[in-house]
């Protein structure tokens, strides 16, 4: 059976706001002022927010926390996501993207296929 992939693109502002909202809903006392720094590790896709210039305070988010924050952001904005779908993060077109993979039903058995040029022979 076929499977489906969706990509939800987020602006960097959306990601920052999602992380702050995520912390507040978990009971973390995140400052109400905008962060002075926002860093994203391109390899691990974890994030860091820094608040305050004189006495900076850093907040670190692993990839799973970023995904949870973005799922919460989608839910708050009315973007429906399938519950049982797998979700992952990517950098796409210079933005944060969350992929949503909806797996199809398992095939009862695999056919023996041979692909020749443009035609498929079963």
PDB file of N, CA and C in Angstrom:
ATOM      1  N   UNK A   1       0.847  -1.185   0.000  1.00  0.00           N
ATOM      2  CA  UNK A   1       0.000   0.000   0.000  1.00  0.00           C
ATOM      3  C   UNK A   1       0.889   1.243   0.000  1.00  0.00           C
ATOM      4  N   UNK A   2       0.397   2.279  -0.558  1.00  0.00           N
ATOM      5  CA  UNK A   2       1.153   3.531  -0.636  1.00  0.00           C
ATOM      6  C   UNK A   2       1.288   4.174   0.739  1.00  0.00           C
ATOM      7  N   UNK A   3       2.343   4.961   0.896  1.00  0.00           N
ATOM      8  CA  UNK A   3       2.501   5.746   2.119  1.00  0.00           C
ATOM      9  C   UNK A   3       2.544   7.212   1.725  1.00  0.00           C
ATOM     10  N   UNK A   4       2.416   8.073   2.711  1.00  0.00           N
ATOM     11  CA  UNK A   4       2.315   9.514   2.445  1.00  0.00           C
ATOM     12  C   UNK A   4       3.336  10.268   3.283  1.00  0.00           C
ATOM     13  N   UNK A   5       3.935  11.290   2.683  1.00  0.00           N
ATOM     14  CA  UNK A   5       4.825  12.209   3.383  1.00  0.00           C
ATOM     15  C   UNK A   5       4.252  13.607   3.276  1.00  0.00           C
ATOM     16  N   UNK A   6       4.303  14.339   4.368  1.00  0.00           N
ATOM     17  CA  UNK A   6       3.937  15.756   4.373  1.00  0.00           C
ATOM     18  C   UNK A   6       5.109  16.519   4.984  1.00  0.00           C
ATOM     19  N   UNK A   7       5.270  17.751   4.544  1.00  0.00           N
ATOM     20  CA  UNK A   7       6.263  18.631   5.144  1.00  0.00           C
ATOM     21  C   UNK A   7       5.566  19.901   5.597  1.00  0.00           C
ATOM     22  N   UNK A   8       5.783  20.262   6.845  1.00  0.00           N
ATOM     23  CA  UNK A   8       5.255  21.506   7.392  1.00  0.00           C
ATOM     24  C   UNK A   8       6.459  22.418   7.592  1.00  0.00           C
ATOM     25  N   UNK A   9       6.474  23.550   6.896  1.00  0.00           N
ATOM     26  CA  UNK A   9       7.594  24.495   6.989  1.00  0.00           C
ATOM     27  C   UNK A   9       7.299  25.545   8.051  1.00  0.00           C
ATOM     28  N   UNK A  10       8.330  25.890   8.822  1.00  0.00           N
ATOM     29  CA  UNK A  10       8.194  26.880   9.890  1.00  0.00           C
ATOM     30  C   UNK A  10       9.204  27.996   9.676  1.00  0.00           C
ATOM     31  N   UNK A  11       8.782  29.219   9.927  1.00  0.00           N
ATOM     32  CA  UNK A  11       9.743  30.328   9.941  1.00  0.00           C
ATOM     33  C   UNK A  11      10.560  30.195  11.226  1.00  0.00           C
ATOM     34  N   UNK A  12      11.709  30.858  11.262  1.00  0.00           N
ATOM     35  CA  UNK A  12      12.534  30.799  12.478  1.00  0.00           C
ATOM     36  C   UNK A  12      11.805  31.445  13.640  1.00  0.00           C
ATOM     37  N   UNK A  13      11.004  32.449  13.372  1.00  0.00           N
ATOM     38  CA  UNK A  13      10.208  33.072  14.439  1.00  0.00           C
ATOM     39  C   UNK A  13       9.201  32.076  15.006  1.00  0.00           C
ATOM     40  N   UNK A  14       8.565  31.288  14.128  1.00  0.00           N
ATOM     41  CA  UNK A  14       7.637  30.249  14.588  1.00  0.00           C
ATOM     42  C   UNK A  14       8.341  29.255  15.505  1.00  0.00           C
ATOM     43  N   UNK A  15       9.558  28.864  15.132  1.00  0.00           N
ATOM     44  CA  UNK A  15      10.299  27.889  15.943  1.00  0.00           C
ATOM     45  C   UNK A  15      10.613  28.477  17.312  1.00  0.00           C
ATOM     46  N   UNK A  16      11.109  29.722  17.345  1.00  0.00           N
ATOM     47  CA  UNK A  16      11.419  30.375  18.635  1.00  0.00           C
ATOM     48  C   UNK A  16      10.171  30.472  19.507  1.00  0.00           C
ATOM     49  N   UNK A  17       9.084  30.945  18.927  1.00  0.00           N
ATOM     50  CA  UNK A  17       7.847  31.094  19.701  1.00  0.00           C
ATOM     51  C   UNK A  17       7.322  29.737  20.163  1.00  0.00           C
ATOM     52  N   UNK A  18       7.457  28.719  19.325  1.00  0.00           N
ATOM     53  CA  UNK A  18       7.006  27.375  19.704  1.00  0.00           C
ATOM     54  C   UNK A  18       7.800  26.847  20.897  1.00  0.00           C
ATOM     55  N   UNK A  19       9.108  27.086  20.905  1.00  0.00           N
ATOM     56  CA  UNK A  19       9.946  26.611  22.016  1.00  0.00           C
ATOM     57  C   UNK A  19       9.593  27.319  23.321  1.00  0.00           C
ATOM     58  N   UNK A  20       9.378  28.626  23.254  1.00  0.00           N
ATOM     59  CA  UNK A  20       9.018  29.385  24.461  1.00  0.00           C
ATOM     60  C   UNK A  20       7.657  28.923  24.980  1.00  0.00           C
ATOM     61  N   UNK A  21       6.682  28.771  24.081  1.00  0.00           N
ATOM     62  CA  UNK A  21       5.346  28.317  24.485  1.00  0.00           C
ATOM     63  C   UNK A  21       5.413  26.912  25.069  1.00  0.00           C
ATOM     64  N   UNK A  22       6.208  26.058  24.458  1.00  0.00           N
ATOM     65  CA  UNK A  22       6.383  24.683  24.940  1.00  0.00           C
ATOM     66  C   UNK A  22       6.915  24.683  26.374  1.00  0.00           C
ATOM     67  N   UNK A  23       7.924  25.501  26.644  1.00  0.00           N
ATOM     68  CA  UNK A  23       8.471  25.586  27.997  1.00  0.00           C
ATOM     69  C   UNK A  23       7.432  26.092  28.988  1.00  0.00           C
ATOM     70  N   UNK A  24       6.711  27.109  28.621  1.00  0.00           N
ATOM     71  CA  UNK A  24       5.710  27.676  29.539  1.00  0.00           C
ATOM     72  C   UNK A  24       4.605  26.680  29.848  1.00  0.00           C
ATOM     73  N   UNK A  25       4.181  25.911  28.849  1.00  0.00           N
ATOM     74  CA  UNK A  25       3.136  24.908  29.086  1.00  0.00           C
ATOM     75  C   UNK A  25       3.647  23.761  29.938  1.00  0.00           C
ATOM     76  N   UNK A  26       4.968  23.559  29.953  1.00  0.00           N
ATOM     77  CA  UNK A  26       5.562  22.530  30.821  1.00  0.00           C
ATOM     78  C   UNK A  26       5.890  23.068  32.204  1.00  0.00           C
ATOM     79  N   UNK A  27       5.585  24.351  32.446  1.00  0.00           N
ATOM     80  CA  UNK A  27       5.824  24.934  33.763  1.00  0.00           C
ATOM     81  C   UNK A  27       7.189  25.570  33.927  1.00  0.00           C
ATOM     82  N   UNK A  28       7.961  25.694  32.854  1.00  0.00           N
ATOM     83  CA  UNK A  28       9.274  26.342  32.911  1.00  0.00           C
ATOM     84  C   UNK A  28       9.080  27.856  32.882  1.00  0.00           C
ATOM     85  N   UNK A  29       9.814  28.559  33.701  1.00  0.00           N
ATOM     86  CA  UNK A  29       9.726  30.024  33.745  1.00  0.00           C
ATOM     87  C   UNK A  29      10.638  30.614  32.675  1.00  0.00           C
ATOM     88  N   UNK A  30      10.117  30.766  31.465  1.00  0.00           N
ATOM     89  CA  UNK A  30      10.884  31.349  30.365  1.00  0.00           C
ATOM     90  C   UNK A  30      10.653  32.853  30.360  1.00  0.00           C
ATOM     91  N   UNK A  31      11.684  33.657  30.146  1.00  0.00           N
ATOM     92  CA  UNK A  31      11.502  35.112  30.119  1.00  0.00           C
ATOM     93  C   UNK A  31      10.475  35.552  29.073  1.00  0.00           C
ATOM     94  N   UNK A  32       9.804  36.658  29.350  1.00  0.00           N
ATOM     95  CA  UNK A  32       8.777  37.171  28.435  1.00  0.00           C
ATOM     96  C   UNK A  32       9.369  38.045  27.329  1.00  0.00           C
ATOM     97  N   UNK A  33      10.618  38.469  27.484  1.00  0.00           N
ATOM     98  CA  UNK A  33      11.273  39.286  26.451  1.00  0.00           C
ATOM     99  C   UNK A  33      11.779  38.373  25.333  1.00  0.00           C
ATOM    100  N   UNK A  34      11.947  38.889  24.123  1.00  0.00           N
ATOM    101  CA  UNK A  34      12.491  38.056  23.043  1.00  0.00           C
ATOM    102  C   UNK A  34      13.924  37.624  23.343  1.00  0.00           C
ATOM    103  N   UNK A  35      14.327  36.463  22.860  1.00  0.00           N
ATOM    104  CA  UNK A  35      15.702  36.008  23.102  1.00  0.00           C
ATOM    105  C   UNK A  35      16.707  36.887  22.361  1.00  0.00           C
ATOM    106  N   UNK A  36      17.913  36.982  22.910  1.00  0.00           N
ATOM    107  CA  UNK A  36      18.963  37.762  22.248  1.00  0.00           C
ATOM    108  C   UNK A  36      19.749  36.901  21.258  1.00  0.00           C
ATOM    109  N   UNK A  37      19.700  35.562  21.426  1.00  0.00           N
ATOM    110  CA  UNK A  37      20.355  34.644  20.500  1.00  0.00           C
ATOM    111  C   UNK A  37      19.474  33.429  20.274  1.00  0.00           C
ATOM    112  N   UNK A  38      19.540  32.930  19.059  1.00  0.00           N
ATOM    113  CA  UNK A  38      18.830  31.711  18.693  1.00  0.00           C
ATOM    114  C   UNK A  38      19.769  30.912  17.806  1.00  0.00           C
ATOM    115  N   UNK A  39      20.174  29.734  18.265  1.00  0.00           N
ATOM    116  CA  UNK A  39      21.112  28.904  17.517  1.00  0.00           C
ATOM    117  C   UNK A  39      20.487  27.556  17.201  1.00  0.00           C
ATOM    118  N   UNK A  40      20.803  27.067  16.013  1.00  0.00           N
ATOM    119  CA  UNK A  40      20.353  25.746  15.589  1.00  0.00           C
ATOM    120  C   UNK A  40      21.573  24.961  15.125  1.00  0.00           C
ATOM    121  N   UNK A  41      21.746  23.785  15.671  1.00  0.00           N
ATOM    122  CA  UNK A  41      22.807  22.886  15.241  1.00  0.00           C
ATOM    123  C   UNK A  41      22.330  22.196  13.965  1.00  0.00           C
ATOM    124  N   UNK A  42      23.003  22.480  12.840  1.00  0.00           N
ATOM    125  CA  UNK A  42      22.572  21.952  11.543  1.00  0.00           C
ATOM    126  C   UNK A  42      22.626  20.420  11.480  1.00  0.00           C
ATOM    127  N   UNK A  43      23.519  19.799  12.234  1.00  0.00           N
ATOM    128  CA  UNK A  43      23.652  18.346  12.180  1.00  0.00           C
ATOM    129  C   UNK A  43      22.626  17.636  13.060  1.00  0.00           C
ATOM    130  N   UNK A  44      22.566  18.036  14.320  1.00  0.00           N
ATOM    131  CA  UNK A  44      21.672  17.366  15.273  1.00  0.00           C
ATOM    132  C   UNK A  44      20.266  17.970  15.279  1.00  0.00           C
ATOM    133  N   UNK A  45      20.117  19.169  14.726  1.00  0.00           N
ATOM    134  CA  UNK A  45      18.849  19.912  14.713  1.00  0.00           C
ATOM    135  C   UNK A  45      18.302  20.150  16.113  1.00  0.00           C
ATOM    136  N   UNK A  46      19.211  20.371  17.062  1.00  0.00           N
ATOM    137  CA  UNK A  46      18.780  20.829  18.372  1.00  0.00           C
ATOM    138  C   UNK A  46      18.934  22.347  18.400  1.00  0.00           C
ATOM    139  N   UNK A  47      18.292  22.982  19.367  1.00  0.00           N
ATOM    140  CA  UNK A  47      18.241  24.449  19.402  1.00  0.00           C
ATOM    141  C   UNK A  47      18.686  24.981  20.756  1.00  0.00           C
ATOM    142  N   UNK A  48      19.085  26.247  20.738  1.00  0.00           N
ATOM    143  CA  UNK A  48      19.479  26.950  21.961  1.00  0.00           C
ATOM    144  C   UNK A  48      18.923  28.367  21.891  1.00  0.00           C
ATOM    145  N   UNK A  49      18.243  28.779  22.945  1.00  0.00           N
ATOM    146  CA  UNK A  49      17.771  30.160  23.100  1.00  0.00           C
ATOM    147  C   UNK A  49      18.550  30.793  24.233  1.00  0.00           C
ATOM    148  N   UNK A  50      19.000  32.032  24.029  1.00  0.00           N
ATOM    149  CA  UNK A  50      19.703  32.775  25.074  1.00  0.00           C
ATOM    150  C   UNK A  50      18.931  34.047  25.355  1.00  0.00           C
ATOM    151  N   UNK A  51      18.629  34.270  26.628  1.00  0.00           N
ATOM    152  CA  UNK A  51      17.904  35.458  27.066  1.00  0.00           C
ATOM    153  C   UNK A  51      18.813  36.305  27.939  1.00  0.00           C
ATOM    154  N   UNK A  52      18.701  37.627  27.807  1.00  0.00           N
ATOM    155  CA  UNK A  52      19.447  38.551  28.655  1.00  0.00           C
ATOM    156  C   UNK A  52      20.846  38.824  28.152  1.00  0.00           C
ATOM    157  N   UNK A  53      21.235  40.098  28.201  1.00  0.00           N
ATOM    158  CA  UNK A  53      22.573  40.483  27.740  1.00  0.00           C
ATOM    159  C   UNK A  53      23.574  40.533  28.891  1.00  0.00           C
ATOM    160  N   UNK A  54      23.161  41.107  30.029  1.00  0.00           N
ATOM    161  CA  UNK A  54      24.082  41.265  31.159  1.00  0.00           C
ATOM    162  C   UNK A  54      24.401  39.928  31.819  1.00  0.00           C
ATOM    163  N   UNK A  55      23.357  39.187  32.138  1.00  0.00           N
ATOM    164  CA  UNK A  55      23.515  37.860  32.741  1.00  0.00           C
ATOM    165  C   UNK A  55      22.743  36.861  31.883  1.00  0.00           C
ATOM    166  N   UNK A  56      23.346  36.423  30.788  1.00  0.00           N
ATOM    167  CA  UNK A  56      22.614  35.557  29.855  1.00  0.00           C
ATOM    168  C   UNK A  56      22.233  34.213  30.475  1.00  0.00           C
ATOM    169  N   UNK A  57      21.050  33.771  30.117  1.00  0.00           N
ATOM    170  CA  UNK A  57      20.567  32.459  30.554  1.00  0.00           C
ATOM    171  C   UNK A  57      20.224  31.661  29.304  1.00  0.00           C
ATOM    172  N   UNK A  58      20.805  30.461  29.197  1.00  0.00           N
ATOM    173  CA  UNK A  58      20.603  29.619  28.019  1.00  0.00           C
ATOM    174  C   UNK A  58      19.572  28.534  28.285  1.00  0.00           C
ATOM    175  N   UNK A  59      18.781  28.274  27.273  1.00  0.00           N
ATOM    176  CA  UNK A  59      17.808  27.184  27.301  1.00  0.00           C
ATOM    177  C   UNK A  59      18.129  26.270  26.124  1.00  0.00           C
ATOM    178  N   UNK A  60      18.367  24.996  26.407  1.00  0.00           N
ATOM    179  CA  UNK A  60      18.740  24.030  25.382  1.00  0.00           C
ATOM    180  C   UNK A  60      17.571  23.085  25.101  1.00  0.00           C
ATOM    181  N   UNK A  61      17.383  22.741  23.825  1.00  0.00           N
ATOM    182  CA  UNK A  61      16.293  21.864  23.408  1.00  0.00           C
ATOM    183  C   UNK A  61      16.863  20.797  22.487  1.00  0.00           C
ATOM    184  N   UNK A  62      16.685  19.540  22.851  1.00  0.00           N
ATOM    185  CA  UNK A  62      17.123  18.474  21.958  1.00  0.00           C
ATOM    186  C   UNK A  62      16.103  18.323  20.827  1.00  0.00           C
ATOM    187  N   UNK A  63      16.438  17.484  19.866  1.00  0.00           N
ATOM    188  CA  UNK A  63      15.589  17.315  18.681  1.00  0.00           C
ATOM    189  C   UNK A  63      14.169  16.874  19.045  1.00  0.00           C
ATOM    190  N   UNK A  64      14.040  15.962  19.997  1.00  0.00           N
ATOM    191  CA  UNK A  64      12.714  15.482  20.411  1.00  0.00           C
ATOM    192  C   UNK A  64      11.875  16.613  21.007  1.00  0.00           C
ATOM    193  N   UNK A  65      12.507  17.493  21.777  1.00  0.00           N
ATOM    194  CA  UNK A  65      11.787  18.633  22.352  1.00  0.00           C
ATOM    195  C   UNK A  65      11.356  19.626  21.279  1.00  0.00           C
ATOM    196  N   UNK A  66      12.209  19.822  20.278  1.00  0.00           N
ATOM    197  CA  UNK A  66      11.849  20.721  19.175  1.00  0.00           C
ATOM    198  C   UNK A  66      10.657  20.158  18.419  1.00  0.00           C
ATOM    199  N   UNK A  67      10.666  18.852  18.159  1.00  0.00           N
ATOM    200  CA  UNK A  67       9.529  18.216  17.479  1.00  0.00           C
ATOM    201  C   UNK A  67       8.271  18.364  18.316  1.00  0.00           C
ATOM    202  N   UNK A  68       8.361  18.127  19.621  1.00  0.00           N
ATOM    203  CA  UNK A  68       7.192  18.262  20.501  1.00  0.00           C
ATOM    204  C   UNK A  68       6.664  19.690  20.482  1.00  0.00           C
ATOM    205  N   UNK A  69       7.568  20.669  20.510  1.00  0.00           N
ATOM    206  CA  UNK A  69       7.158  22.071  20.484  1.00  0.00           C
ATOM    207  C   UNK A  69       6.450  22.414  19.174  1.00  0.00           C
ATOM    208  N   UNK A  70       6.963  21.891  18.072  1.00  0.00           N
ATOM    209  CA  UNK A  70       6.350  22.178  16.772  1.00  0.00           C
ATOM    210  C   UNK A  70       5.009  21.464  16.604  1.00  0.00           C
ATOM    211  N   UNK A  71       4.886  20.266  17.157  1.00  0.00           N
ATOM    212  CA  UNK A  71       3.590  19.572  17.150  1.00  0.00           C
ATOM    213  C   UNK A  71       2.570  20.389  17.935  1.00  0.00           C
ATOM    214  N   UNK A  72       2.979  20.888  19.094  1.00  0.00           N
ATOM    215  CA  UNK A  72       2.093  21.718  19.915  1.00  0.00           C
ATOM    216  C   UNK A  72       1.715  22.998  19.158  1.00  0.00           C
ATOM    217  N   UNK A  73       2.677  23.588  18.462  1.00  0.00           N
ATOM    218  CA  UNK A  73       2.422  24.801  17.668  1.00  0.00           C
ATOM    219  C   UNK A  73       1.384  24.513  16.583  1.00  0.00           C
ATOM    220  N   UNK A  74       1.527  23.379  15.907  1.00  0.00           N
ATOM    221  CA  UNK A  74       0.550  22.999  14.877  1.00  0.00           C
ATOM    222  C   UNK A  74      -0.840  22.827  15.484  1.00  0.00           C
ATOM    223  N   UNK A  75      -0.899  22.131  16.608  1.00  0.00           N
ATOM    224  CA  UNK A  75      -2.194  21.905  17.263  1.00  0.00           C
ATOM    225  C   UNK A  75      -2.833  23.224  17.670  1.00  0.00           C
ATOM    226  N   UNK A  76      -2.043  24.152  18.233  1.00  0.00           N
ATOM    227  CA  UNK A  76      -2.566  25.457  18.650  1.00  0.00           C
ATOM    228  C   UNK A  76      -3.043  26.287  17.466  1.00  0.00           C
ATOM    229  N   UNK A  77      -2.439  26.087  16.296  1.00  0.00           N
ATOM    230  CA  UNK A  77      -2.790  26.850  15.090  1.00  0.00           C
ATOM    231  C   UNK A  77      -3.835  26.155  14.224  1.00  0.00           C
ATOM    232  N   UNK A  78      -4.300  24.986  14.645  1.00  0.00           N
ATOM    233  CA  UNK A  78      -5.334  24.285  13.892  1.00  0.00           C
ATOM    234  C   UNK A  78      -4.812  23.443  12.735  1.00  0.00           C
ATOM    235  N   UNK A  79      -3.510  23.181  12.710  1.00  0.00           N
ATOM    236  CA  UNK A  79      -2.937  22.318  11.675  1.00  0.00           C
ATOM    237  C   UNK A  79      -3.039  20.884  12.178  1.00  0.00           C
ATOM    238  N   UNK A  80      -3.810  20.087  11.484  1.00  0.00           N
ATOM    239  CA  UNK A  80      -4.055  18.716  11.934  1.00  0.00           C
ATOM    240  C   UNK A  80      -2.914  17.801  11.511  1.00  0.00           C
ATOM    241  N   UNK A  81      -2.440  17.031  12.472  1.00  0.00           N
ATOM    242  CA  UNK A  81      -1.379  16.048  12.217  1.00  0.00           C
ATOM    243  C   UNK A  81      -1.876  14.677  12.660  1.00  0.00           C
ATOM    244  N   UNK A  82      -1.630  13.641  11.869  1.00  0.00           N
ATOM    245  CA  UNK A  82      -2.037  12.296  12.283  1.00  0.00           C
ATOM    246  C   UNK A  82      -1.272  11.846  13.521  1.00  0.00           C
ATOM    247  N   UNK A  83      -1.986  11.276  14.447  1.00  0.00           N
ATOM    248  CA  UNK A  83      -1.401  10.882  15.728  1.00  0.00           C
ATOM    249  C   UNK A  83      -0.334   9.797  15.576  1.00  0.00           C
ATOM    250  N   UNK A  84      -0.603   8.787  14.761  1.00  0.00           N
ATOM    251  CA  UNK A  84       0.295   7.635  14.670  1.00  0.00           C
ATOM    252  C   UNK A  84       1.390   7.796  13.625  1.00  0.00           C
ATOM    253  N   UNK A  85       1.450   8.939  12.969  1.00  0.00           N
ATOM    254  CA  UNK A  85       2.478   9.160  11.956  1.00  0.00           C
ATOM    255  C   UNK A  85       3.821   9.444  12.622  1.00  0.00           C
ATOM    256  N   UNK A  86       4.897   9.045  11.965  1.00  0.00           N
ATOM    257  CA  UNK A  86       6.225   9.377  12.479  1.00  0.00           C
ATOM    258  C   UNK A  86       6.577  10.797  12.045  1.00  0.00           C
ATOM    259  N   UNK A  87       7.313  11.504  12.901  1.00  0.00           N
ATOM    260  CA  UNK A  87       7.671  12.898  12.638  1.00  0.00           C
ATOM    261  C   UNK A  87       9.180  13.060  12.786  1.00  0.00           C
ATOM    262  N   UNK A  88       9.749  13.918  11.930  1.00  0.00           N
ATOM    263  CA  UNK A  88      11.191  14.153  11.968  1.00  0.00           C
ATOM    264  C   UNK A  88      11.453  15.597  11.551  1.00  0.00           C
ATOM    265  N   UNK A  89      12.655  16.091  11.845  1.00  0.00           N
ATOM    266  CA  UNK A  89      13.038  17.460  11.484  1.00  0.00           C
ATOM    267  C   UNK A  89      14.040  17.464  10.347  1.00  0.00           C
ATOM    268  N   UNK A  90      13.958  18.529   9.543  1.00  0.00           N
ATOM    269  CA  UNK A  90      14.874  18.724   8.426  1.00  0.00           C
ATOM    270  C   UNK A  90      15.080  20.221   8.248  1.00  0.00           C
ATOM    271  N   UNK A  91      16.175  20.581   7.602  1.00  0.00           N
ATOM    272  CA  UNK A  91      16.346  21.942   7.115  1.00  0.00           C
ATOM    273  C   UNK A  91      15.982  21.895   5.638  1.00  0.00           C
ATOM    274  N   UNK A  92      15.020  22.708   5.244  1.00  0.00           N
ATOM    275  CA  UNK A  92      14.526  22.696   3.882  1.00  0.00           C
ATOM    276  C   UNK A  92      14.336  24.131   3.423  1.00  0.00           C
ATOM    277  N   UNK A  93      15.004  24.493   2.351  1.00  0.00           N
ATOM    278  CA  UNK A  93      14.917  25.846   1.802  1.00  0.00           C
ATOM    279  C   UNK A  93      15.269  26.903   2.854  1.00  0.00           C
ATOM    280  N   UNK A  94      16.267  26.603   3.697  1.00  0.00           N
ATOM    281  CA  UNK A  94      16.709  27.549   4.711  1.00  0.00           C
ATOM    282  C   UNK A  94      15.738  27.723   5.868  1.00  0.00           C
ATOM    283  N   UNK A  95      14.796  26.822   6.002  1.00  0.00           N
ATOM    284  CA  UNK A  95      13.809  26.879   7.084  1.00  0.00           C
ATOM    285  C   UNK A  95      13.734  25.536   7.787  1.00  0.00           C
ATOM    286  N   UNK A  96      13.145  25.552   8.980  1.00  0.00           N
ATOM    287  CA  UNK A  96      12.923  24.316   9.714  1.00  0.00           C
ATOM    288  C   UNK A  96      11.682  23.654   9.123  1.00  0.00           C
ATOM    289  N   UNK A  97      11.784  22.369   8.842  1.00  0.00           N
ATOM    290  CA  UNK A  97      10.658  21.615   8.300  1.00  0.00           C
ATOM    291  C   UNK A  97      10.444  20.373   9.152  1.00  0.00           C
ATOM    292  N   UNK A  98       9.194  20.063   9.399  1.00  0.00           N
ATOM    293  CA  UNK A  98       8.852  18.830  10.095  1.00  0.00           C
ATOM    294  C   UNK A  98       8.198  17.911   9.069  1.00  0.00           C
ATOM    295  N   UNK A  99       8.787  16.730   8.889  1.00  0.00           N
ATOM    296  CA  UNK A  99       8.174  15.756   7.986  1.00  0.00           C
ATOM    297  C   UNK A  99       7.245  14.870   8.792  1.00  0.00           C
ATOM    298  N   UNK A 100       6.146  14.517   8.160  1.00  0.00           N
ATOM    299  CA  UNK A 100       5.153  13.642   8.765  1.00  0.00           C
ATOM    300  C   UNK A 100       4.989  12.460   7.815  1.00  0.00           C
ATOM    301  N   UNK A 101       5.309  11.262   8.283  1.00  0.00           N
ATOM    302  CA  UNK A 101       5.235  10.069   7.442  1.00  0.00           C
ATOM    303  C   UNK A 101       4.090   9.192   7.915  1.00  0.00           C
ATOM    304  N   UNK A 102       3.148   8.997   7.011  1.00  0.00           N
ATOM    305  CA  UNK A 102       2.007   8.125   7.293  1.00  0.00           C
ATOM    306  C   UNK A 102       2.246   6.839   6.520  1.00  0.00           C
ATOM    307  N   UNK A 103       2.577   5.786   7.230  1.00  0.00           N
ATOM    308  CA  UNK A 103       2.887   4.514   6.587  1.00  0.00           C
ATOM    309  C   UNK A 103       1.607   3.852   6.095  1.00  0.00           C
ATOM    310  N   UNK A 104       1.694   3.251   4.928  1.00  0.00           N
ATOM    311  CA  UNK A 104       0.560   2.504   4.392  1.00  0.00           C
ATOM    312  C   UNK A 104       0.466   1.144   5.056  1.00  0.00           C
ATOM    313  N   UNK A 105      -0.604   0.439   4.732  1.00  0.00           N
ATOM    314  CA  UNK A 105      -0.790  -0.904   5.276  1.00  0.00           C
ATOM    315  C   UNK A 105       0.281  -1.835   4.712  1.00  0.00           C
ATOM    316  N   UNK A 106       0.673  -2.792   5.494  1.00  0.00           N
ATOM    317  CA  UNK A 106       1.707  -3.736   5.069  1.00  0.00           C
ATOM    318  C   UNK A 106       1.195  -4.592   3.916  1.00  0.00           C
ATOM    319  N   UNK A 107       2.071  -4.868   2.970  1.00  0.00           N
ATOM    320  CA  UNK A 107       1.740  -5.738   1.840  1.00  0.00           C
ATOM    321  C   UNK A 107       1.709  -7.183   2.342  1.00  0.00           C
ATOM    322  N   UNK A 108       0.736  -7.971   1.893  1.00  0.00           N
ATOM    323  CA  UNK A 108       0.697  -9.363   2.337  1.00  0.00           C
ATOM    324  C   UNK A 108       1.936 -10.148   1.904  1.00  0.00           C
ATOM    325  N   UNK A 109       2.418  -9.922   0.680  1.00  0.00           N
ATOM    326  CA  UNK A 109       3.661 -10.535   0.237  1.00  0.00           C
ATOM    327  C   UNK A 109       4.264  -9.647  -0.845  1.00  0.00           C
ATOM    328  N   UNK A 110       5.536  -9.706  -0.965  1.00  0.00           N
ATOM    329  CA  UNK A 110       6.233  -8.893  -1.954  1.00  0.00           C
ATOM    330  C   UNK A 110       6.245  -9.627  -3.288  1.00  0.00           C
ATOM    331  N   UNK A 111       5.862  -8.925  -4.345  1.00  0.00           N
ATOM    332  CA  UNK A 111       5.925  -9.511  -5.678  1.00  0.00           C
ATOM    333  C   UNK A 111       7.363  -9.496  -6.174  1.00  0.00           C
ATOM    334  N   UNK A 112       7.699 -10.433  -6.996  1.00  0.00           N
ATOM    335  CA  UNK A 112       9.019 -10.460  -7.608  1.00  0.00           C
ATOM    336  C   UNK A 112       8.970  -9.552  -8.834  1.00  0.00           C
ATOM    337  N   UNK A 113       9.542  -8.347  -8.732  1.00  0.00           N
ATOM    338  CA  UNK A 113       9.481  -7.376  -9.814  1.00  0.00           C
ATOM    339  C   UNK A 113      10.839  -7.227 -10.473  1.00  0.00           C
ATOM    340  N   UNK A 114      10.808  -6.999 -11.751  1.00  0.00           N
ATOM    341  CA  UNK A 114      12.016  -6.682 -12.472  1.00  0.00           C
ATOM    342  C   UNK A 114      11.741  -5.408 -13.257  1.00  0.00           C
ATOM    343  N   UNK A 115      12.541  -4.378 -13.053  1.00  0.00           N
ATOM    344  CA  UNK A 115      12.321  -3.106 -13.720  1.00  0.00           C
ATOM    345  C   UNK A 115      13.233  -3.049 -14.940  1.00  0.00           C
ATOM    346  N   UNK A 116      12.612  -2.896 -16.107  1.00  0.00           N
ATOM    347  CA  UNK A 116      13.338  -2.848 -17.375  1.00  0.00           C
ATOM    348  C   UNK A 116      13.020  -1.542 -18.063  1.00  0.00           C
ATOM    349  N   UNK A 117      13.993  -0.653 -18.158  1.00  0.00           N
ATOM    350  CA  UNK A 117      13.762   0.626 -18.829  1.00  0.00           C
ATOM    351  C   UNK A 117      12.629   1.385 -18.171  1.00  0.00           C
ATOM    352  N   UNK A 118      11.579   1.659 -18.911  1.00  0.00           N
ATOM    353  CA  UNK A 118      10.428   2.404 -18.404  1.00  0.00           C
ATOM    354  C   UNK A 118       9.262   1.521 -18.039  1.00  0.00           C
ATOM    355  N   UNK A 119       9.337   0.234 -18.318  1.00  0.00           N
ATOM    356  CA  UNK A 119       8.199  -0.656 -18.035  1.00  0.00           C
ATOM    357  C   UNK A 119       8.502  -1.526 -16.817  1.00  0.00           C
ATOM    358  N   UNK A 120       7.455  -1.958 -16.163  1.00  0.00           N
ATOM    359  CA  UNK A 120       7.593  -2.822 -14.995  1.00  0.00           C
ATOM    360  C   UNK A 120       6.955  -4.167 -15.339  1.00  0.00           C
ATOM    361  N   UNK A 121       7.699  -5.257 -15.131  1.00  0.00           N
ATOM    362  CA  UNK A 121       7.209  -6.592 -15.405  1.00  0.00           C
ATOM    363  C   UNK A 121       7.083  -7.326 -14.084  1.00  0.00           C
ATOM    364  N   UNK A 122       5.899  -7.885 -13.821  1.00  0.00           N
ATOM    365  CA  UNK A 122       5.697  -8.620 -12.563  1.00  0.00           C
ATOM    366  C   UNK A 122       5.722 -10.101 -12.798  1.00  0.00           C
TER     367      UNK A 122
END
